[in-house]
Amino acid sequence: MQLERQTPDAVVDVGDWKADEKYPIFPVGSKPKRALMCPDDEIRPFLRPGHRYLFKAAGGWQAQQLWSEVIAYELSRALGLEVPPALVALDSKTGTPGVLVEFFYGYRGVKETSRLVHAADFMQDHFVAGKKGRPHGLRENLALCRALKVPDRDRWWCQALLFDTLIGNTDRHSENWGFLFTWRDGGTLARLAPLYDNGTSLGYNIPDEKLTPAWDEAKMAKFILRGTHDCGWSRDEDGPTGHINLTARFLAAQPSVVPEAERLLRLNEGDVEAVTTWCEQFAFPLAFSPARSHFVIQQIMARRSALVEVIGR
């Protein structure tokens, strides 16, 4: 069940949240994360009492990933995609700003037992020594999904490619997508997990001082052209591949999912502006500036236009 939206006056203070006893320091990924438990007496309608969350600290040149993660989640609400809730948060004990991401399994009252398995765990014997997570090919990803009898896999990959292209996500490597295995009635079912870890996107690495004056169309086009998916087409055509090109190739090979792509591309500038304006309203140590708001709108709409041209409708 989708929760209500966080309000800008309700930054989540995790200073007194208890560490998850099983995973006090979350072991996966390159950035500092802590697994915390939401207090049982929490009543705000955008949090789940007694549930596990990840607190990702924001700092240094990667600090804007906080906002990228939050915006990705807010856009997913408009697009009807499964993305873990990402909330603006602060550890008042240390003064550290961060993003609070809801675990997308292990919910109270759910009798099924689920486990997340990263795609990389199935691919280890295919990786080339010295190249972390490579080769990483879309065709092999789809073959793995077929082997695991994952339902709705073509539609999921359509959503993943379109979403990552719209936000310019360059980091959907094989530890940033995976499967939820659920034990039910003595059997195991596999499905693709929600689209998690979306922070390496939306030009997070461009500092605010380089966003004014606003970029012209030519500068934005060059920026978008440099954006790549982590995966290539196949292990024989390995290496990060341009967002637009890889998405276009997938849609040409899987015409049955083009209607889903068209649905996602109904996203309009008003939808994006509503999210970025909301971000500007937070009184927070790491502010979301009007210049960045314009930059985010500009790049998403430029990528959308490129995708519409690819589909040709």
Protein backbone atom coordinates (compact mmCIF):
# COMPACT_ATOMS: atom_id res chain seq x y z
CA MET A 1 0.00 0.00 0.00
CA GLN A 2 1.41 3.37 -1.05
CA LEU A 3 1.93 5.76 1.84
CA GLU A 4 1.17 9.46 1.88
CA ARG A 5 3.71 11.98 0.67
CA GLN A 6 6.25 13.47 3.05
CA THR A 7 5.60 17.14 3.77
CA PRO A 8 8.44 19.70 3.56
CA ASP A 9 8.01 20.61 7.24
CA ALA A 10 8.51 16.98 8.31
CA VAL A 11 12.18 16.12 7.76
CA VAL A 12 12.71 12.75 9.45
CA ASP A 13 15.11 12.96 12.39
CA VAL A 14 16.78 9.55 12.80
CA GLY A 15 19.03 10.66 15.66
CA ASP A 16 17.19 8.45 18.16
CA TRP A 17 16.29 5.59 15.84
CA LYS A 18 17.74 2.25 16.91
CA ALA A 19 20.12 0.35 14.67
CA ASP A 20 18.79 -2.83 13.15
CA GLU A 21 20.35 -5.59 15.26
CA LYS A 22 20.95 -7.82 12.24
CA TYR A 23 22.55 -5.20 9.94
CA PRO A 24 23.68 -2.12 11.91
CA ILE A 25 26.04 -1.22 9.03
CA PHE A 26 24.56 -2.22 5.69
CA PRO A 27 27.22 -4.17 3.79
CA VAL A 28 26.17 -3.66 0.15
CA GLY A 29 27.34 -0.67 -1.91
CA SER A 30 30.13 1.89 -1.88
CA LYS A 31 28.49 4.66 0.16
CA PRO A 32 27.98 4.76 3.95
CA LYS A 33 24.62 3.31 4.96
CA ARG A 34 23.02 2.36 8.26
CA ALA A 35 20.07 0.05 8.71
CA LEU A 36 17.68 1.60 11.24
CA MET A 37 14.33 0.63 12.71
CA CYS A 38 11.44 3.07 12.60
CA PRO A 39 10.08 3.53 16.17
CA ASP A 40 6.96 1.57 17.04
CA ASP A 41 5.15 4.73 18.15
CA GLU A 42 5.67 6.58 14.85
CA ILE A 43 2.37 8.07 13.61
CA ARG A 44 3.34 10.12 10.55
CA PRO A 45 1.53 8.70 7.52
CA PHE A 46 4.60 8.47 5.29
CA LEU A 47 6.49 6.11 7.64
CA ARG A 48 5.92 2.49 8.65
CA PRO A 49 6.24 1.88 12.42
CA GLY A 50 8.59 -0.94 13.35
CA HIS A 51 9.92 -1.28 9.80
CA ARG A 52 13.52 -1.30 8.60
CA TYR A 53 14.99 1.65 6.67
CA LEU A 54 18.38 2.52 5.22
CA PHE A 55 19.89 5.89 6.12
CA LYS A 56 22.34 7.01 3.45
CA ALA A 57 24.50 9.91 4.56
CA ALA A 58 24.93 12.80 2.09
CA GLY A 59 28.25 14.55 1.85
CA GLY A 60 31.06 15.74 -0.38
CA TRP A 61 30.75 15.93 -4.15
CA GLN A 62 28.10 13.18 -4.09
CA ALA A 63 25.80 15.02 -1.66
CA GLN A 64 23.15 15.84 -4.29
CA GLN A 65 22.48 12.12 -4.69
CA LEU A 66 20.17 12.62 -1.73
CA TRP A 67 17.86 14.73 -3.88
CA SER A 68 18.24 12.47 -6.90
CA GLU A 69 17.03 9.52 -4.82
CA VAL A 70 14.09 11.50 -3.43
CA ILE A 71 13.09 12.88 -6.84
CA ALA A 72 13.31 9.45 -8.45
CA TYR A 73 10.84 8.12 -5.89
CA GLU A 74 8.48 11.06 -6.28
CA LEU A 75 8.52 10.68 -10.07
CA SER A 76 7.82 6.96 -9.71
CA ARG A 77 4.59 7.85 -7.91
CA ALA A 78 3.49 9.87 -10.93
CA LEU A 79 4.61 7.13 -13.34
CA GLY A 80 3.08 4.21 -11.45
CA LEU A 81 6.40 2.40 -10.98
CA GLU A 82 7.69 0.35 -8.05
CA VAL A 83 10.48 2.35 -6.40
CA PRO A 84 11.27 2.19 -2.67
CA PRO A 85 10.10 5.29 -0.77
CA ALA A 86 12.96 7.76 -0.29
CA LEU A 87 12.57 10.47 2.35
CA VAL A 88 14.50 13.59 3.32
CA ALA A 89 16.17 12.86 6.67
CA LEU A 90 18.68 14.18 9.20
CA ASP A 91 20.69 12.62 11.99
CA SER A 92 20.42 15.39 14.60
CA LYS A 93 23.03 13.69 16.81
CA THR A 94 25.74 14.23 14.20
CA GLY A 95 24.16 16.94 12.05
CA THR A 96 24.38 14.63 9.04
CA PRO A 97 21.81 15.07 6.25
CA GLY A 98 20.78 12.02 4.29
CA VAL A 99 18.08 10.08 2.52
CA LEU A 100 15.99 7.49 4.32
CA VAL A 101 15.01 4.58 2.06
CA GLU A 102 12.33 2.06 3.00
CA PHE A 103 13.19 -1.65 2.80
CA PHE A 104 10.80 -3.14 0.25
CA TYR A 105 10.30 -6.47 2.01
CA GLY A 106 9.92 -7.74 5.58
CA TYR A 107 6.70 -5.83 6.25
CA ARG A 108 4.74 -6.34 9.44
CA GLY A 109 1.71 -8.55 9.09
CA VAL A 110 2.98 -10.21 5.91
CA LYS A 111 3.26 -13.94 6.47
CA GLU A 112 5.39 -14.65 3.40
CA THR A 113 9.16 -14.76 3.88
CA SER A 114 11.04 -12.84 1.19
CA ARG A 115 14.70 -12.42 0.40
CA LEU A 116 16.46 -10.03 -1.97
CA VAL A 117 19.09 -11.60 -4.22
CA HIS A 118 21.16 -9.24 -6.36
CA ALA A 119 21.55 -10.19 -10.01
CA ALA A 120 25.33 -10.21 -9.51
CA ASP A 121 24.99 -13.29 -7.29
CA PHE A 122 23.87 -15.27 -10.35
CA MET A 123 26.52 -13.82 -12.66
CA GLN A 124 29.77 -14.23 -10.73
CA ASP A 125 31.11 -17.04 -12.91
CA HIS A 126 30.59 -14.90 -16.05
CA PHE A 127 32.51 -11.84 -14.79
CA VAL A 128 35.95 -11.16 -16.21
CA ALA A 129 38.69 -10.97 -13.59
CA GLY A 130 39.60 -7.38 -12.79
CA LYS A 131 36.35 -5.98 -14.23
CA LYS A 132 33.81 -5.61 -11.45
CA GLY A 133 30.41 -6.79 -12.61
CA ARG A 134 31.37 -7.12 -16.28
CA PRO A 135 30.31 -8.19 -18.77
CA HIS A 136 26.82 -6.84 -18.11
CA GLY A 137 24.52 -7.30 -21.08
CA LEU A 138 20.80 -6.68 -21.46
CA ARG A 139 20.26 -9.89 -23.42
CA GLU A 140 21.91 -11.94 -20.66
CA ASN A 141 19.82 -10.10 -18.06
CA LEU A 142 16.66 -11.13 -19.89
CA ALA A 143 17.92 -14.70 -20.26
CA LEU A 144 18.50 -14.88 -16.50
CA CYS A 145 14.96 -13.65 -15.88
CA ARG A 146 13.59 -16.31 -18.23
CA ALA A 147 15.63 -19.03 -16.52
CA LEU A 148 14.17 -18.01 -13.16
CA LYS A 149 10.67 -17.94 -14.70
CA VAL A 150 10.16 -14.36 -13.60
CA PRO A 151 6.75 -13.02 -14.66
CA ASP A 152 6.31 -9.78 -16.60
CA ARG A 153 10.03 -9.50 -17.24
CA ASP A 154 9.84 -7.67 -20.58
CA ARG A 155 7.54 -5.02 -19.12
CA TRP A 156 9.83 -4.62 -16.08
CA TRP A 157 12.87 -4.08 -18.29
CA CYS A 158 10.93 -1.60 -20.40
CA GLN A 159 10.12 0.31 -17.22
CA ALA A 160 13.72 0.11 -15.96
CA LEU A 161 15.25 1.33 -19.20
CA LEU A 162 12.73 4.14 -19.70
CA PHE A 163 12.96 5.28 -16.08
CA ASP A 164 16.76 5.20 -16.01
CA THR A 165 16.86 7.09 -19.30
CA LEU A 166 14.46 9.79 -18.09
CA ILE A 167 16.47 10.42 -14.91
CA GLY A 168 19.87 9.76 -16.49
CA ASN A 169 20.74 6.92 -14.11
CA THR A 170 24.18 5.51 -14.94
CA ASP A 171 24.41 2.97 -12.13
CA ARG A 172 21.95 0.10 -12.74
CA HIS A 173 24.80 -2.41 -12.38
CA SER A 174 24.18 -6.01 -11.38
CA GLU A 175 24.05 -5.19 -7.66
CA ASN A 176 21.49 -2.45 -8.31
CA TRP A 177 18.82 -4.76 -9.68
CA GLY A 178 17.74 -8.14 -8.49
CA PHE A 179 15.05 -10.56 -7.46
CA LEU A 180 12.72 -11.04 -4.55
CA PHE A 181 12.35 -14.71 -3.72
CA THR A 182 9.25 -15.57 -1.73
CA TRP A 183 8.57 -18.86 0.03
CA ARG A 184 4.90 -19.73 -0.22
CA ASP A 185 3.03 -23.03 0.23
CA GLY A 186 6.24 -25.02 0.21
CA GLY A 187 7.51 -23.48 -3.02
CA THR A 188 9.68 -20.57 -4.12
CA LEU A 189 8.50 -17.76 -6.37
CA ALA A 190 10.78 -15.18 -7.96
CA ARG A 191 9.90 -11.70 -9.12
CA LEU A 192 11.91 -8.66 -10.07
CA ALA A 193 12.56 -6.28 -7.17
CA PRO A 194 11.52 -2.61 -7.21
CA LEU A 195 13.90 -0.20 -8.90
CA TYR A 196 16.25 0.59 -6.02
CA ASP A 197 19.39 2.75 -5.72
CA ASN A 198 18.54 5.64 -8.04
CA GLY A 199 20.85 8.32 -6.67
CA THR A 200 23.49 8.28 -9.42
CA SER A 201 21.28 10.33 -11.70
CA LEU A 202 19.88 13.76 -12.57
CA GLY A 203 23.32 15.34 -12.93
CA TYR A 204 23.99 15.02 -9.20
CA ASN A 205 27.71 15.65 -9.79
CA ILE A 206 27.19 19.10 -11.36
CA PRO A 207 27.66 21.73 -8.62
CA ASP A 208 25.08 24.50 -8.25
CA GLU A 209 27.53 27.19 -9.34
CA LYS A 210 27.73 25.55 -12.77
CA LEU A 211 23.96 25.63 -13.25
CA THR A 212 23.74 29.39 -13.70
CA PRO A 213 23.19 30.80 -16.17
CA ALA A 214 20.73 28.12 -17.28
CA TRP A 215 22.13 25.76 -19.86
CA ASP A 216 21.18 26.32 -23.48
CA GLU A 217 19.75 23.57 -25.68
CA ALA A 218 23.10 22.65 -27.25
CA LYS A 219 24.87 22.25 -23.90
CA MET A 220 22.04 20.13 -22.54
CA ALA A 221 22.05 17.94 -25.67
CA LYS A 222 25.78 17.21 -25.20
CA PHE A 223 25.21 16.38 -21.54
CA ILE A 224 22.41 13.95 -22.37
CA LEU A 225 24.41 12.31 -25.15
CA ARG A 226 27.12 11.41 -22.63
CA GLY A 227 24.64 9.51 -20.42
CA THR A 228 24.85 5.71 -20.43
CA HIS A 229 23.12 2.68 -18.97
CA ASP A 230 25.51 0.49 -16.99
CA CYS A 231 24.81 -2.48 -19.26
CA GLY A 232 25.48 -3.03 -22.94
CA TRP A 233 23.36 -4.99 -25.40
CA SER A 234 25.09 -8.32 -24.75
CA ARG A 235 28.29 -9.81 -23.37
CA ASP A 236 29.70 -9.59 -26.91
CA GLU A 237 28.76 -5.90 -27.08
CA ASP A 238 29.75 -5.06 -23.52
CA GLY A 239 30.32 -1.69 -21.96
CA PRO A 240 28.01 1.09 -20.83
CA THR A 241 25.73 2.07 -23.73
CA GLY A 242 23.99 5.36 -24.42
CA HIS A 243 20.64 5.72 -22.67
CA ILE A 244 18.66 6.54 -25.80
CA ASN A 245 20.37 4.02 -28.07
CA LEU A 246 20.01 1.02 -25.76
CA THR A 247 16.39 1.83 -24.97
CA ALA A 248 15.62 2.21 -28.68
CA ARG A 249 17.24 -1.13 -29.48
CA PHE A 250 15.29 -2.88 -26.75
CA LEU A 251 11.96 -1.43 -27.91
CA ALA A 252 12.71 -2.47 -31.50
CA ALA A 253 13.38 -6.02 -30.31
CA GLN A 254 10.35 -6.12 -27.96
CA PRO A 255 7.50 -4.29 -29.76
CA SER A 256 4.93 -5.76 -27.37
CA VAL A 257 6.09 -3.36 -24.63
CA VAL A 258 5.97 -0.19 -26.72
CA PRO A 259 2.52 0.70 -25.28
CA GLU A 260 4.07 0.63 -21.80
CA ALA A 261 6.84 2.94 -23.02
CA GLU A 262 4.22 5.28 -24.44
CA ARG A 263 2.39 5.28 -21.11
CA LEU A 264 5.54 6.29 -19.24
CA LEU A 265 6.24 9.04 -21.74
CA ARG A 266 2.97 10.74 -20.89
CA LEU A 267 4.99 12.31 -18.07
CA ASN A 268 4.75 16.05 -18.65
CA GLU A 269 6.63 19.13 -17.50
CA GLY A 270 3.94 19.94 -14.93
CA ASP A 271 4.47 16.54 -13.27
CA VAL A 272 8.21 17.15 -12.96
CA GLU A 273 7.85 20.78 -11.86
CA ALA A 274 5.45 19.74 -9.10
CA VAL A 275 8.18 17.49 -7.68
CA THR A 276 11.05 19.96 -7.94
CA THR A 277 8.98 22.82 -6.47
CA TRP A 278 8.14 20.54 -3.54
CA CYS A 279 11.87 19.86 -3.04
CA GLU A 280 12.64 23.59 -2.93
CA GLN A 281 10.30 24.00 0.04
CA PHE A 282 12.38 21.91 2.48
CA ALA A 283 14.26 23.89 5.13
CA PHE A 284 17.26 21.60 5.20
CA PRO A 285 21.06 21.83 5.55
CA LEU A 286 21.46 20.57 1.98
CA ALA A 287 19.07 22.86 0.12
CA PHE A 288 17.56 22.10 -3.26
CA SER A 289 18.13 25.30 -5.20
CA PRO A 290 15.89 26.93 -7.84
CA ALA A 291 18.77 26.58 -10.32
CA ARG A 292 18.89 22.81 -9.73
CA SER A 293 15.13 22.65 -9.97
CA HIS A 294 15.28 24.19 -13.45
CA PHE A 295 18.18 21.91 -14.40
CA VAL A 296 16.27 18.77 -13.40
CA ILE A 297 13.15 19.80 -15.32
CA GLN A 298 15.20 20.73 -18.37
CA GLN A 299 17.11 17.45 -18.57
CA ILE A 300 14.13 15.16 -17.93
CA MET A 301 12.03 16.86 -20.59
CA ALA A 302 14.91 16.79 -23.07
CA ARG A 303 15.34 13.04 -22.54
CA ARG A 304 11.60 12.54 -22.85
CA SER A 305 11.61 14.35 -26.20
CA ALA A 306 14.46 12.15 -27.43
CA LEU A 307 12.59 9.01 -26.40
CA VAL A 308 9.36 10.16 -28.06
CA GLU A 309 11.34 10.66 -31.27
CA VAL A 310 12.75 7.14 -30.97
CA ILE A 311 9.31 5.60 -30.64
CA GLY A 312 8.11 7.77 -33.49
CA ARG A 313 4.65 8.48 -32.10
